[in-house]
C-alpha atoms as a PDB file:
ATOM      1  CA  MET A   1      66.642  85.998 -18.092  1.00  0.00           C
ATOM      2  CA  ASN A   2      67.976  82.467 -18.368  1.00  0.00           C
ATOM      3  CA  TRP A   3      64.987  80.177 -18.638  1.00  0.00           C
ATOM      4  CA  ASN A   4      67.008  76.869 -18.710  1.00  0.00           C
ATOM      5  CA  LYS A   5      68.242  77.561 -15.272  1.00  0.00           C
ATOM      6  CA  ILE A   6      64.836  78.464 -13.872  1.00  0.00           C
ATOM      7  CA  THR A   7      63.319  75.291 -15.321  1.00  0.00           C
ATOM      8  CA  LEU A   8      66.063  73.060 -13.993  1.00  0.00           C
ATOM      9  CA  GLY A   9      65.519  74.637 -10.315  1.00  0.00           C
ATOM     10  CA  LEU A  10      61.910  73.978 -10.465  1.00  0.00           C
ATOM     11  CA  LEU A  11      62.551  70.228 -11.326  1.00  0.00           C
ATOM     12  CA  LEU A  12      65.002  69.818  -8.370  1.00  0.00           C
ATOM     13  CA  LEU A  13      62.443  71.261  -5.939  1.00  0.00           C
ATOM     14  CA  VAL A  14      59.540  68.983  -7.243  1.00  0.00           C
ATOM     15  CA  GLY A  15      61.928  65.977  -6.847  1.00  0.00           C
ATOM     16  CA  VAL A  16      62.757  66.980  -3.268  1.00  0.00           C
ATOM     17  CA  ALA A  17      59.065  67.304  -2.493  1.00  0.00           C
ATOM     18  CA  PHE A  18      58.382  63.725  -3.626  1.00  0.00           C
ATOM     19  CA  LEU A  19      61.128  62.096  -1.662  1.00  0.00           C
ATOM     20  CA  PRO A  20      59.290  62.048   1.634  1.00  0.00           C
ATOM     21  CA  GLY A  21      56.186  60.451   0.032  1.00  0.00           C
ATOM     22  CA  CYS A  22      58.180  57.790  -1.666  1.00  0.00           C
ATOM     23  CA  LYS A  23      59.821  56.953   1.596  1.00  0.00           C
ATOM     24  CA  GLY A  24      56.677  56.590   3.485  1.00  0.00           C
ATOM     25  CA  HIS A  25      55.248  54.276   0.883  1.00  0.00           C
ATOM     26  CA  GLU A  26      58.166  51.885   1.177  1.00  0.00           C
ATOM     27  CA  GLU A  27      57.802  51.694   4.926  1.00  0.00           C
ATOM     28  CA  HIS A  28      54.079  50.699   4.895  1.00  0.00           C
ATOM     29  CA  PRO A  29      53.720  46.970   5.455  1.00  0.00           C
ATOM     30  CA  LYS A  30      51.698  44.867   2.891  1.00  0.00           C
ATOM     31  CA  ASN A  31      48.431  43.315   4.196  1.00  0.00           C
ATOM     32  CA  LYS A  32      48.015  39.450   3.913  1.00  0.00           C
ATOM     33  CA  ALA A  33      44.955  37.221   4.465  1.00  0.00           C
ATOM     34  CA  PRO A  34      45.160  35.205   7.555  1.00  0.00           C
ATOM     35  CA  GLN A  35      45.955  31.553   6.996  1.00  0.00           C
ATOM     36  CA  LEU A  36      43.164  29.028   7.581  1.00  0.00           C
ATOM     37  CA  PRO A  37      44.008  26.285  10.168  1.00  0.00           C
ATOM     38  CA  THR A  38      44.137  22.805   8.907  1.00  0.00           C
ATOM     39  CA  ILE A  39      41.067  20.745  10.126  1.00  0.00           C
ATOM     40  CA  ALA A  40      40.743  17.074  10.452  1.00  0.00           C
ATOM     41  CA  VAL A  41      37.964  15.504   8.355  1.00  0.00           C
ATOM     42  CA  ILE A  42      36.483  12.211   7.258  1.00  0.00           C
ATOM     43  CA  VAL A  43      35.858  11.800   3.521  1.00  0.00           C
ATOM     44  CA  ASP A  44      33.975   9.376   1.294  1.00  0.00           C
ATOM     45  CA  GLU A  45      33.921   8.494  -2.248  1.00  0.00           C
ATOM     46  CA  VAL A  46      31.005   9.321  -4.718  1.00  0.00           C
ATOM     47  CA  ARG A  47      30.141   5.845  -5.946  1.00  0.00           C
ATOM     48  CA  GLU A  48      28.004   4.538  -8.851  1.00  0.00           C
ATOM     49  CA  GLU A  49      25.216   1.950  -7.771  1.00  0.00           C
ATOM     50  CA  VAL A  50      22.321   0.254  -9.199  1.00  0.00           C
ATOM     51  CA  ALA A  51      19.107   1.848  -7.664  1.00  0.00           C
ATOM     52  CA  ARG A  52      16.028  -0.260  -7.764  1.00  0.00           C
ATOM     53  CA  SER A  53      13.263   2.168  -7.935  1.00  0.00           C
ATOM     54  CA  ARG A  54      10.009   1.587  -6.136  1.00  0.00           C
ATOM     55  CA  ILE A  55       6.454   2.450  -7.326  1.00  0.00           C
ATOM     56  CA  GLU A  56       3.703   2.886  -4.989  1.00  0.00           C
ATOM     57  CA  VAL A  57       0.009   1.885  -5.566  1.00  0.00           C
ATOM     58  CA  VAL A  58      -2.772   2.288  -3.074  1.00  0.00           C
ATOM     59  CA  GLY A  59      -5.095  -0.415  -1.962  1.00  0.00           C
ATOM     60  CA  THR A  60      -7.910  -1.009   0.663  1.00  0.00           C
ATOM     61  CA  LEU A  61      -7.717  -3.519   3.483  1.00  0.00           C
ATOM     62  CA  GLU A  62     -10.526  -6.145   3.291  1.00  0.00           C
ATOM     63  CA  ALA A  63     -11.348  -9.534   4.798  1.00  0.00           C
ATOM     64  CA  VAL A  64     -10.494 -12.699   2.950  1.00  0.00           C
ATOM     65  CA  GLU A  65     -13.885 -14.127   4.231  1.00  0.00           C
ATOM     66  CA  ARG A  66     -16.838 -11.829   3.749  1.00  0.00           C
ATOM     67  CA  ALA A  67     -20.347 -12.359   2.805  1.00  0.00           C
ATOM     68  CA  SER A  68     -23.496 -10.159   2.181  1.00  0.00           C
ATOM     69  CA  ILE A  69     -26.438 -11.745   3.701  1.00  0.00           C
ATOM     70  CA  ALA A  70     -29.540 -11.497   1.489  1.00  0.00           C
ATOM     71  CA  ALA A  71     -33.085 -12.692   1.760  1.00  0.00           C
ATOM     72  CA  ARG A  72     -34.193 -15.476  -0.476  1.00  0.00           C
ATOM     73  CA  ILE A  73     -37.798 -15.335   0.209  1.00  0.00           C
ATOM     74  CA  SER A  74     -40.585 -12.564   0.822  1.00  0.00           C
ATOM     75  CA  GLY A  75     -41.725 -12.005   4.335  1.00  0.00           C
ATOM     76  CA  GLN A  76     -41.583  -9.849   7.523  1.00  0.00           C
ATOM     77  CA  ILE A  77     -38.383 -10.025   9.629  1.00  0.00           C
ATOM     78  CA  ILE A  78     -39.386 -11.316  12.936  1.00  0.00           C
ATOM     79  CA  GLU A  79     -36.044 -11.909  14.597  1.00  0.00           C
ATOM     80  CA  LEU A  80     -32.775 -10.014  14.078  1.00  0.00           C
ATOM     81  CA  PRO A  81     -30.506 -10.901  17.179  1.00  0.00           C
ATOM     82  CA  VAL A  82     -27.419  -9.185  16.028  1.00  0.00           C
ATOM     83  CA  VAL A  83     -26.296  -5.650  15.852  1.00  0.00           C
ATOM     84  CA  LEU A  84     -23.412  -3.791  14.167  1.00  0.00           C
ATOM     85  CA  GLY A  85     -20.091  -5.085  15.547  1.00  0.00           C
ATOM     86  CA  SER A  86     -21.610  -8.409  16.876  1.00  0.00           C
ATOM     87  CA  LYS A  87     -19.249 -11.275  16.926  1.00  0.00           C
ATOM     88  CA  VAL A  88     -20.959 -14.512  15.548  1.00  0.00           C
ATOM     89  CA  GLN A  89     -19.943 -18.114  15.311  1.00  0.00           C
ATOM     90  CA  LYS A  90     -20.725 -20.326  12.271  1.00  0.00           C
ATOM     91  CA  GLY A  91     -24.139 -21.419  12.381  1.00  0.00           C
ATOM     92  CA  ASP A  92     -25.564 -18.727  14.648  1.00  0.00           C
ATOM     93  CA  LEU A  93     -28.914 -17.336  13.918  1.00  0.00           C
ATOM     94  CA  LEU A  94     -28.798 -14.041  12.018  1.00  0.00           C
ATOM     95  CA  VAL A  95     -32.262 -13.308  10.647  1.00  0.00           C
ATOM     96  CA  LYS A  96     -35.470 -15.078  10.864  1.00  0.00           C
ATOM     97  CA  ILE A  97     -38.280 -14.257   8.370  1.00  0.00           C
ATOM     98  CA  SER A  98     -42.097 -14.956   8.828  1.00  0.00           C
ATOM     99  CA  ALA A  99     -43.113 -17.690   6.384  1.00  0.00           C
ATOM    100  CA  GLY A 100     -46.672 -18.715   7.277  1.00  0.00           C
ATOM    101  CA  GLU A 101     -47.425 -19.282   3.615  1.00  0.00           C
ATOM    102  CA  ILE A 102     -44.638 -21.362   3.046  1.00  0.00           C
ATOM    103  CA  SER A 103     -45.228 -23.502   6.199  1.00  0.00           C
ATOM    104  CA  ALA A 104     -48.770 -24.052   4.836  1.00  0.00           C
ATOM    105  CA  LYS A 105     -47.254 -25.228   1.533  1.00  0.00           C
ATOM    106  CA  VAL A 106     -45.051 -27.564   3.369  1.00  0.00           C
ATOM    107  CA  LEU A 107     -48.017 -29.289   5.374  1.00  0.00           C
ATOM    108  CA  GLN A 108     -49.821 -29.448   1.967  1.00  0.00           C
ATOM    109  CA  ALA A 109     -46.924 -31.207   0.211  1.00  0.00           C
ATOM    110  CA  GLU A 110     -46.396 -33.527   3.204  1.00  0.00           C
ATOM    111  CA  ALA A 111     -50.064 -34.595   3.255  1.00  0.00           C
ATOM    112  CA  GLN A 112     -49.805 -35.196  -0.557  1.00  0.00           C
ATOM    113  CA  LEU A 113     -46.776 -37.264  -0.228  1.00  0.00           C
ATOM    114  CA  SER A 114     -48.316 -39.411   2.482  1.00  0.00           C
ATOM    115  CA  GLN A 115     -51.430 -40.088   0.331  1.00  0.00           C
ATOM    116  CA  ALA A 116     -49.165 -40.876  -2.680  1.00  0.00           C
ATOM    117  CA  ARG A 117     -47.159 -43.366  -0.465  1.00  0.00           C
ATOM    118  CA  ARG A 118     -50.429 -45.054   0.753  1.00  0.00           C
ATOM    119  CA  ASN A 119     -51.788 -45.295  -2.633  1.00  0.00           C
ATOM    120  CA  LEU A 120     -48.624 -46.994  -3.880  1.00  0.00           C
ATOM    121  CA  SER A 121     -48.561 -49.351  -0.884  1.00  0.00           C
ATOM    122  CA  ARG A 122     -52.058 -50.465  -1.569  1.00  0.00           C
ATOM    123  CA  GLU A 123     -51.601 -50.947  -5.450  1.00  0.00           C
ATOM    124  CA  ASN A 124     -48.358 -53.058  -4.647  1.00  0.00           C
ATOM    125  CA  LYS A 125     -50.451 -55.377  -2.600  1.00  0.00           C
ATOM    126  CA  LEU A 126     -53.195 -55.628  -5.133  1.00  0.00           C
ATOM    127  CA  GLN A 127     -50.554 -56.547  -7.840  1.00  0.00           C
ATOM    128  CA  LYS A 128     -49.269 -59.237  -5.794  1.00  0.00           C
ATOM    129  CA  GLN A 129     -52.848 -60.687  -5.488  1.00  0.00           C
ATOM    130  CA  GLY A 130     -53.153 -60.209  -9.222  1.00  0.00           C
ATOM    131  CA  ALA A 131     -55.859 -57.338  -8.850  1.00  0.00           C
ATOM    132  CA  SER A 132     -53.765 -54.644 -10.333  1.00  0.00           C
ATOM    133  CA  THR A 133     -51.487 -53.977 -13.401  1.00  0.00           C
ATOM    134  CA  GLN A 134     -47.825 -53.188 -13.365  1.00  0.00           C
ATOM    135  CA  GLU A 135     -48.615 -49.986 -15.419  1.00  0.00           C
ATOM    136  CA  THR A 136     -50.965 -48.778 -12.520  1.00  0.00           C
ATOM    137  CA  VAL A 137     -48.105 -49.431 -10.015  1.00  0.00           C
ATOM    138  CA  LYS A 138     -45.640 -47.677 -12.173  1.00  0.00           C
ATOM    139  CA  SER A 139     -47.833 -44.637 -12.471  1.00  0.00           C
ATOM    140  CA  LEU A 140     -48.321 -44.433  -8.675  1.00  0.00           C
ATOM    141  CA  ARG A 141     -44.609 -44.823  -8.226  1.00  0.00           C
ATOM    142  CA  ASP A 142     -44.064 -41.840 -10.354  1.00  0.00           C
ATOM    143  CA  ALA A 143     -46.715 -39.810  -8.552  1.00  0.00           C
ATOM    144  CA  THR A 144     -45.111 -40.720  -5.255  1.00  0.00           C
ATOM    145  CA  ARG A 145     -41.607 -39.305  -6.603  1.00  0.00           C
ATOM    146  CA  ILE A 146     -43.307 -36.140  -7.812  1.00  0.00           C
ATOM    147  CA  ALA A 147     -44.923 -35.727  -4.334  1.00  0.00           C
ATOM    148  CA  GLU A 148     -41.341 -36.369  -2.569  1.00  0.00           C
ATOM    149  CA  ALA A 149     -39.848 -33.549  -4.930  1.00  0.00           C
ATOM    150  CA  ALA A 150     -42.719 -30.984  -4.134  1.00  0.00           C
ATOM    151  CA  PHE A 151     -42.168 -31.740  -0.207  1.00  0.00           C
ATOM    152  CA  LYS A 152     -38.654 -31.202  -0.479  1.00  0.00           C
ATOM    153  CA  GLU A 153     -38.989 -27.984  -2.496  1.00  0.00           C
ATOM    154  CA  ALA A 154     -41.382 -26.620   0.121  1.00  0.00           C
ATOM    155  CA  GLN A 155     -39.306 -27.696   2.967  1.00  0.00           C
ATOM    156  CA  THR A 156     -36.175 -25.978   1.411  1.00  0.00           C
ATOM    157  CA  MET A 157     -38.141 -22.843   0.996  1.00  0.00           C
ATOM    158  CA  LEU A 158     -39.109 -22.916   4.633  1.00  0.00           C
ATOM    159  CA  ASP A 159     -35.431 -23.326   5.617  1.00  0.00           C
ATOM    160  CA  TYR A 160     -34.690 -20.087   3.815  1.00  0.00           C
ATOM    161  CA  ALA A 161     -36.860 -18.246   6.471  1.00  0.00           C
ATOM    162  CA  THR A 162     -33.954 -18.941   8.758  1.00  0.00           C
ATOM    163  CA  VAL A 163     -30.658 -17.407   7.889  1.00  0.00           C
ATOM    164  CA  THR A 164     -27.403 -18.502   9.888  1.00  0.00           C
ATOM    165  CA  ALA A 165     -23.876 -17.376   9.699  1.00  0.00           C
ATOM    166  CA  PRO A 166     -21.877 -19.010   7.131  1.00  0.00           C
ATOM    167  CA  PHE A 167     -18.720 -18.695   8.948  1.00  0.00           C
ATOM    168  CA  SER A 168     -17.432 -16.991  12.294  1.00  0.00           C
ATOM    169  CA  GLY A 169     -16.840 -13.382  11.933  1.00  0.00           C
ATOM    170  CA  THR A 170     -18.098  -9.758  12.772  1.00  0.00           C
ATOM    171  CA  ILE A 171     -21.271  -7.973  11.409  1.00  0.00           C
ATOM    172  CA  THR A 172     -19.705  -4.923   9.680  1.00  0.00           C
ATOM    173  CA  LYS A 173     -23.010  -3.776   8.064  1.00  0.00           C
ATOM    174  CA  LYS A 174     -26.581  -3.859   9.155  1.00  0.00           C
ATOM    175  CA  ILE A 175     -29.244  -2.716   6.748  1.00  0.00           C
ATOM    176  CA  ALA A 176     -32.430  -4.365   7.866  1.00  0.00           C
ATOM    177  CA  ASN A 177     -34.324  -4.114  11.176  1.00  0.00           C
ATOM    178  CA  THR A 178     -36.911  -6.199  12.886  1.00  0.00           C
ATOM    179  CA  GLY A 179     -40.382  -5.602  11.359  1.00  0.00           C
ATOM    180  CA  ASP A 180     -38.968  -4.802   7.780  1.00  0.00           C
ATOM    181  CA  LEU A 181     -40.355  -6.571   4.817  1.00  0.00           C
ATOM    182  CA  ALA A 182     -37.624  -8.783   3.171  1.00  0.00           C
ATOM    183  CA  SER A 183     -37.809  -9.675  -0.472  1.00  0.00           C
ATOM    184  CA  PRO A 184     -35.632 -11.923  -2.530  1.00  0.00           C
ATOM    185  CA  GLY A 185     -32.233 -10.463  -3.231  1.00  0.00           C
ATOM    186  CA  MET A 186     -32.465  -7.853  -0.549  1.00  0.00           C
ATOM    187  CA  ILE A 187     -29.209  -7.385   1.384  1.00  0.00           C
ATOM    188  CA  LEU A 188     -29.856  -7.441   5.036  1.00  0.00           C
ATOM    189  CA  LEU A 189     -26.434  -7.863   6.640  1.00  0.00           C
ATOM    190  CA  GLN A 190     -22.703  -8.016   6.053  1.00  0.00           C
ATOM    191  CA  ILE A 191     -20.386 -10.332   7.836  1.00  0.00           C
ATOM    192  CA  GLU A 192     -16.584 -10.433   7.710  1.00  0.00           C
ATOM    193  CA  ASN A 193     -13.881 -12.487   9.185  1.00  0.00           C
ATOM    194  CA  GLY A 194     -11.163 -10.108  10.465  1.00  0.00           C
ATOM    195  CA  ASP A 195      -8.673 -12.941  11.253  1.00  0.00           C
ATOM    196  CA  ALA A 196      -7.695 -13.362   7.657  1.00  0.00           C
ATOM    197  CA  LEU A 197      -7.011 -10.012   5.830  1.00  0.00           C
ATOM    198  CA  GLN A 198      -5.714  -9.031   2.544  1.00  0.00           C
ATOM    199  CA  VAL A 199      -5.179  -5.881   0.571  1.00  0.00           C
ATOM    200  CA  LEU A 200      -6.993  -5.139  -2.716  1.00  0.00           C
ATOM    201  CA  ALA A 201      -4.842  -2.914  -4.905  1.00  0.00           C
ATOM    202  CA  ARG A 202      -5.424  -1.639  -8.623  1.00  0.00           C
ATOM    203  CA  VAL A 203      -2.177  -2.098 -10.307  1.00  0.00           C
ATOM    204  CA  PRO A 204      -1.562  -0.196 -13.552  1.00  0.00           C
ATOM    205  CA  GLU A 205      -1.410  -2.363 -16.638  1.00  0.00           C
ATOM    206  CA  ALA A 206       2.252  -1.175 -17.349  1.00  0.00           C
ATOM    207  CA  LEU A 207       3.397  -2.968 -14.012  1.00  0.00           C
ATOM    208  CA  LEU A 208       0.879  -5.962 -14.029  1.00  0.00           C
ATOM    209  CA  LEU A 209       3.504  -8.294 -15.754  1.00  0.00           C
ATOM    210  CA  LYS A 210       5.953  -7.633 -12.969  1.00  0.00           C
ATOM    211  CA  VAL A 211       3.515  -9.035 -10.394  1.00  0.00           C
ATOM    212  CA  THR A 212       3.049 -12.671 -10.103  1.00  0.00           C
ATOM    213  CA  GLU A 213       1.206 -15.021  -7.631  1.00  0.00           C
ATOM    214  CA  GLY A 214       3.423 -15.687  -4.579  1.00  0.00           C
ATOM    215  CA  ASP A 215       5.556 -12.677  -4.831  1.00  0.00           C
ATOM    216  CA  SER A 216       6.420 -10.774  -1.456  1.00  0.00           C
ATOM    217  CA  LEU A 217       5.620  -7.149  -1.498  1.00  0.00           C
ATOM    218  CA  SER A 218       5.958  -4.360   1.080  1.00  0.00           C
ATOM    219  CA  VAL A 219       2.668  -3.080   2.633  1.00  0.00           C
ATOM    220  CA  GLU A 220       2.290  -0.026   4.617  1.00  0.00           C
ATOM    221  CA  ILE A 221      -0.795   0.798   6.741  1.00  0.00           C
ATOM    222  CA  PRO A 222      -0.456   4.344   7.744  1.00  0.00           C
ATOM    223  CA  ALA A 223      -3.412   4.539  10.135  1.00  0.00           C
ATOM    224  CA  ALA A 224      -2.029   1.537  12.087  1.00  0.00           C
ATOM    225  CA  GLY A 225       1.703   2.620  11.767  1.00  0.00           C
ATOM    226  CA  LEU A 226       2.568  -0.778  10.369  1.00  0.00           C
ATOM    227  CA  THR A 227       4.694  -1.940   7.520  1.00  0.00           C
ATOM    228  CA  LEU A 228       4.144  -5.589   6.711  1.00  0.00           C
ATOM    229  CA  THR A 229       5.273  -8.037   4.003  1.00  0.00           C
ATOM    230  CA  GLY A 230       2.363  -9.573   2.141  1.00  0.00           C
ATOM    231  CA  GLU A 231       1.995 -12.305  -0.288  1.00  0.00           C
ATOM    232  CA  VAL A 232       0.431 -11.828  -3.743  1.00  0.00           C
ATOM    233  CA  ALA A 233      -2.621 -14.230  -3.677  1.00  0.00           C
ATOM    234  CA  GLU A 234      -4.440 -13.244  -6.800  1.00  0.00           C
ATOM    235  CA  VAL A 235      -3.759 -11.376  -9.964  1.00  0.00           C
ATOM    236  CA  ALA A 236      -6.280 -10.516 -12.487  1.00  0.00           C
ATOM    237  CA  PRO A 237      -5.570 -11.888 -15.957  1.00  0.00           C
ATOM    238  CA  ALA A 238      -6.901  -8.873 -17.776  1.00  0.00           C
ATOM    239  CA  ALA A 239      -7.003  -4.959 -16.988  1.00  0.00           C
ATOM    240  CA  ASP A 240     -10.095  -2.798 -16.807  1.00  0.00           C
ATOM    241  CA  PRO A 241     -10.269  -1.062 -20.185  1.00  0.00           C
ATOM    242  CA  MET A 242     -11.554   2.130 -18.626  1.00  0.00           C
ATOM    243  CA  SER A 243      -9.035   2.508 -15.730  1.00  0.00           C
ATOM    244  CA  ARG A 244      -6.199   0.595 -17.389  1.00  0.00           C
ATOM    245  CA  THR A 245      -5.638  -1.175 -13.987  1.00  0.00           C
ATOM    246  CA  ALA A 246      -6.211  -4.681 -12.749  1.00  0.00           C
ATOM    247  CA  PRO A 247      -7.106  -5.845  -9.295  1.00  0.00           C
ATOM    248  CA  VAL A 248      -4.318  -7.688  -7.249  1.00  0.00           C
ATOM    249  CA  LYS A 249      -5.038  -9.306  -3.925  1.00  0.00           C
ATOM    250  CA  ILE A 250      -2.223  -9.454  -1.249  1.00  0.00           C
ATOM    251  CA  ASP A 251      -2.603 -11.560   1.863  1.00  0.00           C
ATOM    252  CA  ILE A 252      -1.107 -10.108   5.007  1.00  0.00           C
ATOM    253  CA  ALA A 253      -0.807 -11.078   8.727  1.00  0.00           C
ATOM    254  CA  SER A 254      -3.633  -9.958  10.897  1.00  0.00           C
ATOM    255  CA  SER A 255      -2.943  -7.475  13.812  1.00  0.00           C
ATOM    256  CA  PRO A 256      -5.126  -5.890  16.533  1.00  0.00           C
ATOM    257  CA  ASP A 257      -4.553  -2.474  14.950  1.00  0.00           C
ATOM    258  CA  LEU A 258      -5.782  -3.535  11.545  1.00  0.00           C
ATOM    259  CA  ARG A 259      -9.420  -2.786  10.492  1.00  0.00           C
ATOM    260  CA  VAL A 260     -11.220  -3.624   7.319  1.00  0.00           C
ATOM    261  CA  GLY A 261     -11.415  -0.582   5.112  1.00  0.00           C
ATOM    262  CA  GLN A 262      -8.174   0.920   6.050  1.00  0.00           C
ATOM    263  CA  PHE A 263      -5.959   2.652   3.362  1.00  0.00           C
ATOM    264  CA  ALA A 264      -2.682   0.808   2.437  1.00  0.00           C
ATOM    265  CA  ARG A 265       0.311   1.576   0.165  1.00  0.00           C
ATOM    266  CA  ILE A 266       1.981  -1.242  -1.781  1.00  0.00           C
ATOM    267  CA  SER A 267       5.470  -0.952  -3.105  1.00  0.00           C
ATOM    268  CA  LEU A 268       6.206  -2.536  -6.345  1.00  0.00           C
ATOM    269  CA  LYS A 269       9.528  -2.744  -8.017  1.00  0.00           C
ATOM    270  CA  GLY A 270      10.309  -0.526 -10.756  1.00  0.00           C
ATOM    271  CA  THR A 271      13.300  -0.183 -13.281  1.00  0.00           C
ATOM    272  CA  ASP A 272      16.940  -0.845 -12.206  1.00  0.00           C
ATOM    273  CA  ASP A 273      18.922   2.463 -13.041  1.00  0.00           C
ATOM    274  CA  THR A 274      22.576   3.399 -12.421  1.00  0.00           C
ATOM    275  CA  THR A 275      23.076   6.328 -10.119  1.00  0.00           C
ATOM    276  CA  MET A 276      25.495   8.147  -7.865  1.00  0.00           C
ATOM    277  CA  MET A 277      25.256   7.671  -4.155  1.00  0.00           C
ATOM    278  CA  LEU A 278      27.003   9.440  -1.238  1.00  0.00           C
ATOM    279  CA  THR A 279      26.762   9.254   2.527  1.00  0.00           C
ATOM    280  CA  GLU A 280      24.070  11.475   3.523  1.00  0.00           C
ATOM    281  CA  SER A 281      25.903  13.451   6.177  1.00  0.00           C
ATOM    282  CA  ALA A 282      28.089  14.872   3.258  1.00  0.00           C
ATOM    283  CA  VAL A 283      25.437  17.139   2.138  1.00  0.00           C
ATOM    284  CA  PHE A 284      24.386  20.358   3.999  1.00  0.00           C
ATOM    285  CA  SER A 285      21.864  23.028   3.221  1.00  0.00           C
ATOM    286  CA  ARG A 286      22.214  26.840   2.830  1.00  0.00           C
ATOM    287  CA  GLY A 287      19.010  28.438   2.075  1.00  0.00           C
ATOM    288  CA  GLN A 288      17.577  26.585  -0.805  1.00  0.00           C
ATOM    289  CA  MET A 289      20.782  25.073  -2.037  1.00  0.00           C
ATOM    290  CA  ASP A 290      22.385  21.746  -1.239  1.00  0.00           C
ATOM    291  CA  LEU A 291      26.152  21.863  -0.932  1.00  0.00           C
ATOM    292  CA  VAL A 292      29.169  19.561  -0.342  1.00  0.00           C
ATOM    293  CA  PHE A 293      32.876  20.064   0.142  1.00  0.00           C
ATOM    294  CA  VAL A 294      34.848  18.170  -2.406  1.00  0.00           C
ATOM    295  CA  VAL A 295      38.533  17.472  -1.595  1.00  0.00           C
ATOM    296  CA  ASP A 296      41.151  18.887  -3.975  1.00  0.00           C
ATOM    297  CA  MET A 297      43.444  15.925  -3.760  1.00  0.00           C
ATOM    298  CA  ASN A 298      46.512  17.819  -5.066  1.00  0.00           C
ATOM    299  CA  LYS A 299      46.366  20.682  -2.541  1.00  0.00           C
ATOM    300  CA  LYS A 300      44.610  18.819   0.225  1.00  0.00           C
ATOM    301  CA  ILE A 301      41.950  21.644   0.623  1.00  0.00           C
ATOM    302  CA  ALA A 302      38.148  21.738   0.589  1.00  0.00           C
ATOM    303  CA  ARG A 303      36.184  23.182  -2.314  1.00  0.00           C
ATOM    304  CA  MET A 304      32.561  24.063  -1.861  1.00  0.00           C
ATOM    305  CA  ARG A 305      30.336  22.756  -4.621  1.00  0.00           C
ATOM    306  CA  LEU A 306      26.569  22.867  -5.422  1.00  0.00           C
ATOM    307  CA  VAL A 307      24.820  19.594  -6.021  1.00  0.00           C
ATOM    308  CA  ARG A 308      21.265  18.405  -6.624  1.00  0.00           C
ATOM    309  CA  THR A 309      20.005  15.470  -4.589  1.00  0.00           C
ATOM    310  CA  GLY A 310      17.324  12.697  -4.963  1.00  0.00           C
ATOM    311  CA  ALA A 311      15.939  10.076  -2.891  1.00  0.00           C
ATOM    312  CA  ALA A 312      17.650   9.276   0.557  1.00  0.00           C
ATOM    313  CA  TYR A 313      17.558   5.901   2.349  1.00  0.00           C
ATOM    314  CA  ASP A 314      19.691   3.755   4.495  1.00  0.00           C
ATOM    315  CA  GLY A 315      22.006   6.677   5.459  1.00  0.00           C
ATOM    316  CA  ASN A 316      22.832   7.398   1.775  1.00  0.00           C
ATOM    317  CA  VAL A 317      21.559  10.172  -0.667  1.00  0.00           C
ATOM    318  CA  GLU A 318      21.274  10.055  -4.392  1.00  0.00           C
ATOM    319  CA  ILE A 319      23.281  12.679  -6.203  1.00  0.00           C
ATOM    320  CA  LEU A 320      21.612  13.766  -9.521  1.00  0.00           C
ATOM    321  CA  SER A 321      24.235  16.301 -10.488  1.00  0.00           C
ATOM    322  CA  GLY A 322      27.151  18.222  -9.316  1.00  0.00           C
ATOM    323  CA  LEU A 323      29.690  15.393  -8.598  1.00  0.00           C
ATOM    324  CA  GLU A 324      31.492  12.689 -10.618  1.00  0.00           C
ATOM    325  CA  PRO A 325      32.031   9.020  -9.453  1.00  0.00           C
ATOM    326  CA  GLY A 326      35.278   8.595  -7.578  1.00  0.00           C
ATOM    327  CA  GLU A 327      35.466  12.133  -6.270  1.00  0.00           C
ATOM    328  CA  GLN A 328      36.252  12.464  -2.477  1.00  0.00           C
ATOM    329  CA  VAL A 329      33.730  14.350  -0.515  1.00  0.00           C
ATOM    330  CA  VAL A 330      33.960  15.576   3.202  1.00  0.00           C
ATOM    331  CA  VAL A 331      31.352  13.873   5.317  1.00  0.00           C
ATOM    332  CA  SER A 332      32.173  15.480   8.781  1.00  0.00           C
ATOM    333  CA  SER A 333      32.687  18.988  10.329  1.00  0.00           C
ATOM    334  CA  ASN A 334      30.777  20.715   7.426  1.00  0.00           C
ATOM    335  CA  ASP A 335      29.398  23.232   9.758  1.00  0.00           C
ATOM    336  CA  THR A 336      32.894  24.608  10.622  1.00  0.00           C
ATOM    337  CA  LEU A 337      34.642  24.040   7.324  1.00  0.00           C
ATOM    338  CA  GLN A 338      35.314  26.912   4.792  1.00  0.00           C
ATOM    339  CA  ASP A 339      36.102  26.944   1.139  1.00  0.00           C
ATOM    340  CA  GLY A 340      39.932  26.560   0.471  1.00  0.00           C
ATOM    341  CA  GLN A 341      40.654  25.376   4.057  1.00  0.00           C
ATOM    342  CA  PRO A 342      43.418  22.763   4.384  1.00  0.00           C
ATOM    343  CA  LEU A 343      42.458  19.346   5.338  1.00  0.00           C
ATOM    344  CA  ASP A 344      43.766  16.512   7.455  1.00  0.00           C
ATOM    345  CA  ILE A 345      42.093  13.523   5.716  1.00  0.00           C
ATOM    346  CA  SER A 346      40.797  10.173   6.996  1.00  0.00           C
ATOM    347  CA  THR A 347      38.770   7.800   5.062  1.00  0.00           C
ATOM    348  CA  HIS A 348      35.082   7.012   6.025  1.00  0.00           C
ATOM    349  CA  GLU A 349      34.455   3.468   6.989  1.00  0.00           C
END
């Protein structure tokens, strides 16, 4: 048997069998990805700016004019014509205290003064007649002055029995009631003038040197929905060693929505740092990620990139990482744009 001929025949059969398969492979068309359409977009440049950081401190709204009304003598309160929230004018009666003992002392001092004056007058006449000495007249004159001082003291103590408003304002605290026993130093009422307001803030010692009298600061009153500009009226020269803060008072304009005791936020100027800024509309979110489309200026296509953002204000957003100054970023049509899509570019104005 000729094995060479048999082997050659088998090879020819295998080759014929593969010919149809090769032909079919050549005729199958090659699959290609569809070309993305060109989309018109607006781009903006990533720019470096000096960002002036702001630091917030909290404060409390209070009246510029406020006073705690206290008793200066002992006695029973016999009149208290005001209630919590009463509007009073300067000089109006607030409290009247029974002072029978003091009234008696006034009468006694007045009688002693009258007697001293009569004695001095009689002795002056006798001296002119040569019936008295100059030393006696001098002694009686001194006694009269002592009697006058005693009368004034008693009269002043009696005046303390009647307490009047030191200025026009509103009763914001009422502690005592008619019939209560008042004693020296006992707080009875609190009055405040709501027409002139200020914010008392505790400023950290590290920022205290950046606040000076006359500075204008932004003051936000969340409860009233107001943001005002206040002027620094007082700055404490020293910080509290326990809290490491110092009190600062800021005058603000009055408003019908403002109330004493309201919470306030005060913005202080921090440090000036260089940061990257971009138009806020350039950034979009997918899940927990902030993304932008950066323009490949050579190929005129969009490239998606992950960024980390910071504070946003005035239509701009701070870029902390992911971009470089001068790069062009798409600020429109982000919702329809795809990575690698050709762009028809126009500049953001």
